[in-house]
Amino acid sequence: MTERREMRKRILHYLLLLALVITVNFFLPRLLPGSPIKTLTGEEVGSLTAAEKQGILAAYDLDKPLGKQFLLYLRNLFTLNWGNSYSKRQPIWRLIRSRTGWTLLLAGSNLLVSTVIGSLLGLFAASHRQSRRGAAALIGSTVISSLPSFWVAMILLSVFGAQLGWFPLYGAYDLWGKYTGFARFLDILRHLALPLITMVFTSFMMFFTTARYGALQVLSDDYIKMAYMRGISPGRVRRAYVLRNTWIPVFTMVMLDVGYLLSGSVLIETVFSYPGLGSLMQEAVRARDYPLIQYTFLVSSTLTIFAMFLADLCQPLVDPRLRGAGDE
């Protein structure tokens, strides 16, 4: 019963957070200074006639009372009737749906690869903390992670894309190649490689630091010393004892990073012209396409909340101490 009550509290918490995001998404554009016509059309407002301005207000239900606008906004939100993009002349829902999968692929791959690389390097640096290899791992990881993501992206593009030609320069797939099956899979991987490497370079350090600190604490425990005294090989101690107990704080860091799963891909998507939500939002901002900005923000926030909720549910599966916490 206690676990069910705790689950209901968590669900209610995230539902309230989602309701807050939906409400802010409605009121924020309406709180912007100036006329809503100027907000929607930008510099073109001066060339519009009175009838055209009234038509724009009617198209976005801005000619109705605020309360009715909010009810219509909720109806359109849940029926996916989000209107058309001013700059791209396409339905907003179709645009966002076509971009979301690419962002999830890039950001999700980055989270997975960064977690594995950072954890293994952190464990290595902690296990060899008194040797040159451990110091080299620590210094090298610090230097690599401190490089600006924009600079790393431009170096990778110029060297491995333009000069060597190993990877494509832009996009998520070949626009002119009619690949199918495994060939299409390889084509997507080739386009994903450089953006993913750039994101990993700039995001693995948090997992490295967490894993190294956790491993240092575990290595100082008495049961680790007893394992060495019993003649267990150092490799088995690291795999069966240190790595297993180090994973708990690393997963906690993964949970925290899941909340920022989408935010880190905006700059990278823009540099590599990767067709995700980040590049779509950047294009919308450049074109002053406020309806598209509004719904892109809403989808990004909703996905972030959902990812945090899933991570919150999965934490007891990693840390057994949390499974029985609700029964105490």
Protein backbone atom coordinates (compact mmCIF):
# COMPACT_ATOMS: atom_id res chain seq x y z
CA MET A 1 0.00 0.00 0.00
CA THR A 2 2.84 2.35 0.85
CA GLU A 3 4.48 1.71 -2.53
CA ARG A 4 1.19 2.40 -4.34
CA ARG A 5 0.73 5.63 -2.39
CA GLU A 6 4.26 6.68 -3.27
CA MET A 7 3.64 5.85 -6.93
CA ARG A 8 0.45 7.94 -6.96
CA LYS A 9 2.36 10.86 -5.43
CA ARG A 10 5.02 10.63 -8.13
CA ILE A 11 2.48 10.48 -10.94
CA LEU A 12 0.60 13.45 -9.46
CA HIS A 13 3.85 15.40 -9.18
CA TYR A 14 4.70 14.90 -12.84
CA LEU A 15 1.13 15.58 -13.97
CA LEU A 16 1.19 18.90 -12.11
CA LEU A 17 4.54 19.71 -13.69
CA LEU A 18 3.15 18.90 -17.13
CA ALA A 19 0.06 21.04 -16.47
CA LEU A 20 2.35 23.93 -15.48
CA VAL A 21 4.33 23.59 -18.70
CA ILE A 22 1.14 23.52 -20.79
CA THR A 23 -0.19 26.62 -19.02
CA VAL A 24 3.09 28.55 -19.35
CA ASN A 25 3.22 27.59 -23.02
CA PHE A 26 -0.15 29.27 -23.49
CA PHE A 27 0.45 32.47 -21.54
CA LEU A 28 4.10 33.16 -22.42
CA PRO A 29 3.52 34.32 -26.02
CA ARG A 30 0.59 36.43 -24.83
CA LEU A 31 2.77 38.18 -22.26
CA LEU A 32 5.25 39.34 -24.89
CA PRO A 33 5.24 43.12 -25.38
CA GLY A 34 3.60 44.55 -28.45
CA SER A 35 0.79 43.40 -30.69
CA PRO A 36 0.18 39.68 -31.20
CA ILE A 37 0.09 40.42 -34.93
CA LYS A 38 3.67 41.65 -34.76
CA THR A 39 4.62 38.64 -32.69
CA LEU A 40 3.23 36.28 -35.32
CA THR A 41 4.35 38.06 -38.48
CA GLY A 42 7.43 40.02 -37.40
CA GLU A 43 8.56 42.76 -39.79
CA GLU A 44 5.78 41.98 -42.29
CA VAL A 45 3.15 43.57 -40.02
CA GLY A 46 3.49 46.95 -41.76
CA SER A 47 2.43 45.55 -45.11
CA LEU A 48 -0.75 43.87 -43.87
CA THR A 49 -4.20 45.32 -44.39
CA ALA A 50 -6.78 45.56 -41.61
CA ALA A 51 -8.65 42.59 -43.05
CA GLU A 52 -5.46 40.48 -43.16
CA LYS A 53 -4.66 41.37 -39.56
CA GLN A 54 -8.17 40.40 -38.47
CA GLY A 55 -7.83 37.15 -40.39
CA ILE A 56 -4.62 36.28 -38.59
CA LEU A 57 -6.20 37.01 -35.21
CA ALA A 58 -9.17 34.80 -36.11
CA ALA A 59 -6.93 31.99 -37.38
CA TYR A 60 -5.23 31.78 -33.98
CA ASP A 61 -8.42 32.49 -31.98
CA LEU A 62 -6.85 35.72 -30.68
CA ASP A 63 -10.05 37.66 -31.33
CA LYS A 64 -11.83 35.74 -28.54
CA PRO A 65 -11.79 36.29 -24.74
CA LEU A 66 -8.73 34.93 -22.94
CA GLY A 67 -10.65 32.18 -21.11
CA LYS A 68 -12.14 30.87 -24.33
CA GLN A 69 -8.74 31.06 -25.98
CA PHE A 70 -7.33 28.80 -23.27
CA LEU A 71 -10.12 26.23 -23.68
CA LEU A 72 -9.64 26.22 -27.45
CA TYR A 73 -5.89 25.90 -26.91
CA LEU A 74 -6.40 22.79 -24.76
CA ARG A 75 -8.78 21.30 -27.33
CA ASN A 76 -6.36 21.91 -30.18
CA LEU A 77 -3.48 20.65 -28.10
CA PHE A 78 -5.00 17.24 -27.43
CA THR A 79 -6.50 16.87 -30.90
CA LEU A 80 -3.10 17.77 -32.48
CA ASN A 81 -4.69 20.63 -34.38
CA TRP A 82 -1.68 22.90 -33.96
CA GLY A 83 -2.07 24.98 -37.11
CA ASN A 84 0.53 25.67 -39.79
CA SER A 85 4.06 27.00 -39.60
CA TYR A 86 4.36 30.54 -40.96
CA SER A 87 7.85 30.02 -42.33
CA LYS A 88 7.58 26.44 -43.65
CA ARG A 89 3.93 26.46 -44.76
CA GLN A 90 3.36 22.99 -43.30
CA PRO A 91 1.32 21.63 -40.37
CA ILE A 92 3.27 22.14 -37.15
CA TRP A 93 2.40 18.68 -35.83
CA ARG A 94 3.81 17.04 -38.96
CA LEU A 95 7.02 19.06 -38.74
CA ILE A 96 7.61 18.23 -35.08
CA ARG A 97 6.75 14.56 -35.54
CA SER A 98 9.28 14.24 -38.37
CA ARG A 99 12.06 15.82 -36.24
CA THR A 100 11.49 14.23 -32.82
CA GLY A 101 12.85 10.79 -33.68
CA TRP A 102 16.18 12.18 -34.87
CA THR A 103 16.70 14.17 -31.69
CA LEU A 104 15.87 11.14 -29.53
CA LEU A 105 18.31 9.05 -31.56
CA LEU A 106 21.15 11.56 -31.18
CA ALA A 107 20.56 12.51 -27.55
CA GLY A 108 19.78 8.95 -26.46
CA SER A 109 22.90 7.57 -28.17
CA ASN A 110 24.96 10.29 -26.51
CA LEU A 111 23.58 9.42 -23.09
CA LEU A 112 24.35 5.72 -23.58
CA VAL A 113 27.84 6.14 -25.03
CA SER A 114 28.84 8.90 -22.60
CA THR A 115 27.71 6.81 -19.64
CA VAL A 116 29.67 3.73 -20.73
CA ILE A 117 32.86 5.58 -21.70
CA GLY A 118 32.80 7.89 -18.69
CA SER A 119 32.13 5.06 -16.23
CA LEU A 120 34.84 2.77 -17.60
CA LEU A 121 37.41 5.58 -17.74
CA GLY A 122 36.49 6.66 -14.22
CA LEU A 123 36.89 3.11 -12.93
CA PHE A 124 40.23 2.82 -14.72
CA ALA A 125 41.50 6.13 -13.31
CA ALA A 126 40.46 5.14 -9.78
CA SER A 127 41.98 1.65 -10.02
CA HIS A 128 45.30 3.11 -11.27
CA ARG A 129 45.21 6.27 -9.18
CA GLN A 130 48.84 5.89 -8.08
CA SER A 131 50.22 5.25 -11.56
CA ARG A 132 50.93 7.38 -14.61
CA ARG A 133 48.13 5.72 -16.53
CA GLY A 134 45.57 6.84 -13.98
CA ALA A 135 46.93 10.39 -14.00
CA ALA A 136 46.94 10.42 -17.80
CA ALA A 137 43.30 9.26 -17.88
CA LEU A 138 42.31 12.03 -15.45
CA ILE A 139 44.22 14.80 -17.22
CA GLY A 140 43.23 13.66 -20.70
CA SER A 141 39.54 13.43 -19.81
CA THR A 142 39.62 16.88 -18.23
CA VAL A 143 41.27 18.46 -21.27
CA ILE A 144 38.95 16.76 -23.79
CA SER A 145 35.77 17.65 -21.92
CA SER A 146 36.83 21.31 -21.59
CA LEU A 147 36.96 21.81 -25.36
CA PRO A 148 34.09 23.97 -26.70
CA SER A 149 31.51 21.83 -28.49
CA PHE A 150 31.30 24.27 -31.42
CA TRP A 151 35.08 24.11 -31.93
CA VAL A 152 35.12 20.31 -31.70
CA ALA A 153 32.29 20.12 -34.25
CA MET A 154 34.10 22.38 -36.73
CA ILE A 155 37.36 20.40 -36.38
CA LEU A 156 35.60 17.08 -36.95
CA LEU A 157 33.73 18.49 -39.94
CA SER A 158 36.84 19.95 -41.58
CA VAL A 159 39.10 16.92 -40.97
CA PHE A 160 36.90 13.82 -41.17
CA GLY A 161 34.18 15.30 -43.35
CA ALA A 162 35.74 17.76 -45.80
CA GLN A 163 39.38 16.60 -46.05
CA LEU A 164 39.21 12.84 -45.55
CA GLY A 165 35.61 12.38 -46.68
CA TRP A 166 34.97 9.58 -44.19
CA PHE A 167 31.67 11.00 -42.96
CA PRO A 168 28.92 13.20 -44.45
CA LEU A 169 28.98 16.93 -43.74
CA TYR A 170 25.32 17.42 -42.90
CA GLY A 171 21.93 15.78 -42.47
CA ALA A 172 20.75 12.52 -40.89
CA TYR A 173 20.64 10.47 -44.10
CA ASP A 174 21.48 10.70 -47.78
CA LEU A 175 18.74 12.72 -49.44
CA TRP A 176 19.48 11.31 -52.89
CA GLY A 177 20.45 7.75 -52.00
CA LYS A 178 17.62 5.23 -52.10
CA TYR A 179 19.00 2.95 -49.41
CA THR A 180 16.92 0.19 -47.85
CA GLY A 181 17.44 -2.33 -45.10
CA PHE A 182 20.97 -2.65 -43.69
CA ALA A 183 22.38 -0.14 -46.20
CA ARG A 184 20.02 2.54 -44.86
CA PHE A 185 21.02 1.64 -41.30
CA LEU A 186 24.70 2.15 -42.15
CA ASP A 187 23.90 5.42 -43.91
CA ILE A 188 22.13 6.73 -40.79
CA LEU A 189 25.07 5.63 -38.61
CA ARG A 190 27.55 7.47 -40.85
CA HIS A 191 25.53 10.68 -40.57
CA LEU A 192 25.15 10.19 -36.81
CA ALA A 193 28.86 9.62 -36.14
CA LEU A 194 30.26 13.17 -36.08
CA PRO A 195 27.39 14.79 -34.13
CA LEU A 196 27.51 11.94 -31.63
CA ILE A 197 31.28 12.14 -31.18
CA THR A 198 31.00 15.88 -30.57
CA MET A 199 28.32 15.43 -27.92
CA VAL A 200 30.24 12.61 -26.21
CA PHE A 201 33.38 14.76 -26.05
CA THR A 202 31.54 17.44 -24.13
CA SER A 203 29.29 15.33 -21.88
CA PHE A 204 31.15 12.21 -20.69
CA MET A 205 33.10 14.05 -17.98
CA MET A 206 30.22 14.12 -15.49
CA PHE A 207 30.00 10.34 -15.61
CA PHE A 208 33.79 10.03 -15.42
CA THR A 209 33.93 12.18 -12.29
CA THR A 210 31.02 10.37 -10.63
CA ALA A 211 32.41 6.90 -11.43
CA ARG A 212 35.92 7.80 -10.31
CA TYR A 213 34.76 9.26 -7.01
CA GLY A 214 32.43 6.33 -6.36
CA ALA A 215 35.14 3.80 -7.23
CA LEU A 216 37.63 5.51 -4.90
CA GLN A 217 35.13 5.19 -2.05
CA VAL A 218 34.45 1.53 -2.82
CA LEU A 219 38.14 0.67 -3.15
CA SER A 220 38.74 1.95 0.40
CA ASP A 221 36.09 -0.35 1.92
CA ASP A 222 37.13 -3.35 4.00
CA TYR A 223 35.40 -5.97 1.86
CA ILE A 224 37.52 -4.94 -1.12
CA LYS A 225 40.67 -5.43 0.92
CA MET A 226 39.37 -8.83 2.06
CA ALA A 227 38.74 -9.79 -1.56
CA TYR A 228 42.37 -9.06 -2.43
CA MET A 229 43.54 -11.00 0.64
CA ARG A 230 41.52 -14.01 -0.52
CA GLY A 231 43.52 -14.01 -3.73
CA ILE A 232 40.79 -12.77 -6.07
CA SER A 233 42.31 -11.26 -9.22
CA PRO A 234 42.24 -7.44 -9.53
CA GLY A 235 40.22 -7.68 -12.75
CA ARG A 236 37.49 -9.75 -11.09
CA VAL A 237 37.42 -7.41 -8.08
CA ARG A 238 36.87 -4.44 -10.37
CA ARG A 239 34.13 -6.20 -12.35
CA ALA A 240 32.26 -8.03 -9.57
CA TYR A 241 32.70 -5.62 -6.66
CA VAL A 242 33.80 -2.14 -7.67
CA LEU A 243 31.88 -1.69 -10.92
CA ARG A 244 28.62 -3.05 -9.51
CA ASN A 245 28.64 -0.67 -6.54
CA THR A 246 29.93 2.27 -8.57
CA TRP A 247 26.99 1.95 -10.99
CA ILE A 248 24.49 3.22 -8.39
CA PRO A 249 25.81 6.83 -8.17
CA VAL A 250 26.44 6.77 -11.93
CA PHE A 251 22.81 5.87 -12.56
CA THR A 252 21.74 8.69 -10.26
CA MET A 253 23.78 11.03 -12.46
CA VAL A 254 22.13 9.50 -15.54
CA MET A 255 18.76 10.27 -13.94
CA LEU A 256 19.73 13.90 -13.48
CA ASP A 257 21.06 14.11 -17.02
CA VAL A 258 17.92 12.59 -18.52
CA GLY A 259 16.16 15.80 -17.58
CA TYR A 260 18.52 17.63 -19.96
CA LEU A 261 18.39 14.94 -22.63
CA LEU A 262 17.21 17.28 -25.37
CA SER A 263 18.83 20.56 -24.43
CA GLY A 264 22.39 19.55 -25.28
CA SER A 265 21.60 18.74 -28.89
CA VAL A 266 20.44 22.20 -30.04
CA LEU A 267 23.89 23.60 -30.91
CA ILE A 268 25.16 20.31 -32.35
CA GLU A 269 22.10 19.86 -34.55
CA THR A 270 22.53 23.39 -35.86
CA VAL A 271 26.22 22.95 -36.73
CA PHE A 272 25.71 19.61 -38.48
CA SER A 273 22.31 20.56 -39.99
CA TYR A 274 20.92 17.52 -38.23
CA PRO A 275 17.10 17.51 -38.68
CA GLY A 276 16.07 17.33 -35.03
CA LEU A 277 13.97 19.42 -32.69
CA GLY A 278 16.94 21.63 -31.81
CA SER A 279 17.60 22.67 -35.39
CA LEU A 280 13.85 23.11 -35.95
CA MET A 281 13.64 25.48 -33.00
CA GLN A 282 16.68 27.40 -34.26
CA GLU A 283 15.09 27.72 -37.70
CA ALA A 284 11.83 28.88 -36.11
CA VAL A 285 13.62 31.52 -34.01
CA ARG A 286 15.52 32.80 -37.04
CA ALA A 287 12.27 33.09 -39.02
CA ARG A 288 10.34 34.51 -36.01
CA ASP A 289 7.85 31.68 -36.45
CA TYR A 290 6.29 32.01 -32.99
CA PRO A 291 3.61 29.29 -33.32
CA LEU A 292 6.32 26.80 -34.29
CA ILE A 293 8.55 27.99 -31.43
CA GLN A 294 5.68 27.59 -28.98
CA TYR A 295 4.86 23.99 -29.87
CA THR A 296 8.50 22.94 -30.26
CA PHE A 297 9.12 24.17 -26.73
CA LEU A 298 6.05 22.29 -25.51
CA VAL A 299 7.09 18.99 -27.12
CA SER A 300 10.67 19.30 -25.84
CA SER A 301 9.46 20.02 -22.31
CA THR A 302 6.95 17.15 -22.41
CA LEU A 303 9.59 14.68 -23.60
CA THR A 304 11.93 15.85 -20.85
CA ILE A 305 9.27 15.37 -18.17
CA PHE A 306 8.42 11.91 -19.52
CA ALA A 307 12.11 10.91 -19.57
CA MET A 308 12.53 12.08 -15.97
CA PHE A 309 9.46 10.07 -14.95
CA LEU A 310 10.84 6.90 -16.56
CA ALA A 311 14.21 7.43 -14.91
CA ASP A 312 12.51 7.92 -11.55
CA LEU A 313 10.65 4.63 -11.97
CA CYS A 314 13.81 2.75 -12.97
CA GLN A 315 15.95 3.85 -10.03
CA PRO A 316 14.69 1.14 -7.61
CA LEU A 317 15.66 -1.49 -10.20
CA VAL A 318 19.29 -0.37 -9.99
CA ASP A 319 19.51 0.41 -6.27
CA PRO A 320 17.92 -2.50 -4.30
CA ARG A 321 17.97 -0.39 -1.13
CA LEU A 322 15.14 1.73 -2.53
CA ARG A 323 12.79 -1.21 -3.11
CA GLY A 324 11.98 -1.70 0.49
CA ALA A 325 12.22 1.95 1.51
CA GLY A 326 8.50 2.44 1.19
CA ASP A 327 7.74 -0.44 3.54
CA GLU A 328 9.61 0.99 6.50
